[in-house]
Amino acid sequence: MEEPKLSPFALTRSRVVLLVLGAVLLLIAISTAMGGLGSYQELKEAANAAKATTPDVGTPAGAAEAAPAETTPAQ
């Protein structure tokens, strides 16, 4: 018996790989057109500057003021 012929639009493994590589290439082209690494560096510097001017986010607001500076043992 003969195998049925594949249609010209059938997704074979090699065609899927080529489609994925094309999508990655398109993504790189779009990101480069939107500013590339220069904008990324500026964004990184702005984020670092914002971190330097804001208080630590890890502690809840007012936790430092509400907690006593020194605890004494109960007698």
C-alpha atoms as a PDB file:
ATOM      1  CA  MET A   1       0.000   0.000   0.000  1.00  0.00           C
ATOM      2  CA  GLU A   2       1.105   3.497  -0.712  1.00  0.00           C
ATOM      3  CA  GLU A   3       1.296   6.220   1.904  1.00  0.00           C
ATOM      4  CA  PRO A   4      -0.984   9.191   1.269  1.00  0.00           C
ATOM      5  CA  LYS A   5       0.841  12.304   0.145  1.00  0.00           C
ATOM      6  CA  LEU A   6       1.132  15.129   2.620  1.00  0.00           C
ATOM      7  CA  SER A   7      -0.588  18.357   1.758  1.00  0.00           C
ATOM      8  CA  PRO A   8       1.721  21.301   1.080  1.00  0.00           C
ATOM      9  CA  PHE A   9       0.502  22.943   4.301  1.00  0.00           C
ATOM     10  CA  ALA A  10       0.963  19.983   6.648  1.00  0.00           C
ATOM     11  CA  LEU A  11       2.952  20.809   9.778  1.00  0.00           C
ATOM     12  CA  THR A  12       5.963  18.559   9.854  1.00  0.00           C
ATOM     13  CA  ARG A  13       8.656  18.713  12.528  1.00  0.00           C
ATOM     14  CA  SER A  14      11.017  20.749  10.357  1.00  0.00           C
ATOM     15  CA  ARG A  15       8.304  23.241   9.435  1.00  0.00           C
ATOM     16  CA  VAL A  16       7.394  23.736  13.097  1.00  0.00           C
ATOM     17  CA  VAL A  17      11.068  24.423  13.925  1.00  0.00           C
ATOM     18  CA  LEU A  18      11.262  26.960  11.104  1.00  0.00           C
ATOM     19  CA  LEU A  19       8.066  28.649  12.298  1.00  0.00           C
ATOM     20  CA  VAL A  20       9.421  28.920  15.856  1.00  0.00           C
ATOM     21  CA  LEU A  21      12.740  30.335  14.638  1.00  0.00           C
ATOM     22  CA  GLY A  22      10.856  32.826  12.482  1.00  0.00           C
ATOM     23  CA  ALA A  23       8.777  33.923  15.469  1.00  0.00           C
ATOM     24  CA  VAL A  24      11.936  34.434  17.547  1.00  0.00           C
ATOM     25  CA  LEU A  25      13.501  36.447  14.744  1.00  0.00           C
ATOM     26  CA  LEU A  26      10.355  38.561  14.484  1.00  0.00           C
ATOM     27  CA  LEU A  27      10.373  39.162  18.235  1.00  0.00           C
ATOM     28  CA  ILE A  28      14.012  40.296  18.100  1.00  0.00           C
ATOM     29  CA  ALA A  29      13.260  42.622  15.180  1.00  0.00           C
ATOM     30  CA  ILE A  30      10.300  44.202  16.979  1.00  0.00           C
ATOM     31  CA  SER A  31      12.238  44.701  20.222  1.00  0.00           C
ATOM     32  CA  THR A  32      15.124  46.277  18.327  1.00  0.00           C
ATOM     33  CA  ALA A  33      12.743  48.620  16.533  1.00  0.00           C
ATOM     34  CA  MET A  34      11.238  49.663  19.873  1.00  0.00           C
ATOM     35  CA  GLY A  35      14.562  50.815  21.262  1.00  0.00           C
ATOM     36  CA  GLY A  36      16.749  47.789  21.734  1.00  0.00           C
ATOM     37  CA  LEU A  37      19.242  47.475  24.548  1.00  0.00           C
ATOM     38  CA  GLY A  38      19.649  51.220  25.045  1.00  0.00           C
ATOM     39  CA  SER A  39      16.104  51.566  26.314  1.00  0.00           C
ATOM     40  CA  TYR A  40      16.559  48.484  28.458  1.00  0.00           C
ATOM     41  CA  GLN A  41      19.627  50.038  30.090  1.00  0.00           C
ATOM     42  CA  GLU A  42      17.743  53.285  30.757  1.00  0.00           C
ATOM     43  CA  LEU A  43      14.854  51.335  32.271  1.00  0.00           C
ATOM     44  CA  LYS A  44      17.252  49.421  34.495  1.00  0.00           C
ATOM     45  CA  GLU A  45      18.911  52.625  35.702  1.00  0.00           C
ATOM     46  CA  ALA A  46      15.524  54.218  36.401  1.00  0.00           C
ATOM     47  CA  ALA A  47      14.452  51.163  38.405  1.00  0.00           C
ATOM     48  CA  ASN A  48      17.662  51.285  40.449  1.00  0.00           C
ATOM     49  CA  ALA A  49      17.175  54.999  41.098  1.00  0.00           C
ATOM     50  CA  ALA A  50      13.605  54.363  42.229  1.00  0.00           C
ATOM     51  CA  LYS A  51      14.794  51.640  44.609  1.00  0.00           C
ATOM     52  CA  ALA A  52      17.349  54.017  46.108  1.00  0.00           C
ATOM     53  CA  THR A  53      14.735  56.681  46.871  1.00  0.00           C
ATOM     54  CA  THR A  54      11.997  54.434  48.312  1.00  0.00           C
ATOM     55  CA  PRO A  55      12.056  52.687  51.719  1.00  0.00           C
ATOM     56  CA  ASP A  56      12.483  48.951  52.070  1.00  0.00           C
ATOM     57  CA  VAL A  57       9.382  47.177  50.797  1.00  0.00           C
ATOM     58  CA  GLY A  58      10.078  43.983  52.756  1.00  0.00           C
ATOM     59  CA  THR A  59       8.832  45.363  56.086  1.00  0.00           C
ATOM     60  CA  PRO A  60       5.189  46.298  56.591  1.00  0.00           C
ATOM     61  CA  ALA A  61       4.406  49.985  56.918  1.00  0.00           C
ATOM     62  CA  GLY A  62       4.715  51.156  60.501  1.00  0.00           C
ATOM     63  CA  ALA A  63       6.311  47.915  61.738  1.00  0.00           C
ATOM     64  CA  ALA A  64       9.500  49.681  62.805  1.00  0.00           C
ATOM     65  CA  GLU A  65       7.589  52.268  64.832  1.00  0.00           C
ATOM     66  CA  ALA A  66       5.199  49.753  66.448  1.00  0.00           C
ATOM     67  CA  ALA A  67       7.877  47.307  67.610  1.00  0.00           C
ATOM     68  CA  PRO A  68       9.655  48.215  70.841  1.00  0.00           C
ATOM     69  CA  ALA A  69      13.347  48.976  70.505  1.00  0.00           C
ATOM     70  CA  GLU A  70      14.263  46.633  73.335  1.00  0.00           C
ATOM     71  CA  THR A  71      12.268  43.888  74.990  1.00  0.00           C
ATOM     72  CA  THR A  72      12.543  43.137  78.668  1.00  0.00           C
ATOM     73  CA  PRO A  73      11.924  39.662  80.065  1.00  0.00           C
ATOM     74  CA  ALA A  74       8.713  39.200  82.008  1.00  0.00           C
ATOM     75  CA  GLN A  75       9.149  38.481  85.720  1.00  0.00           C
END
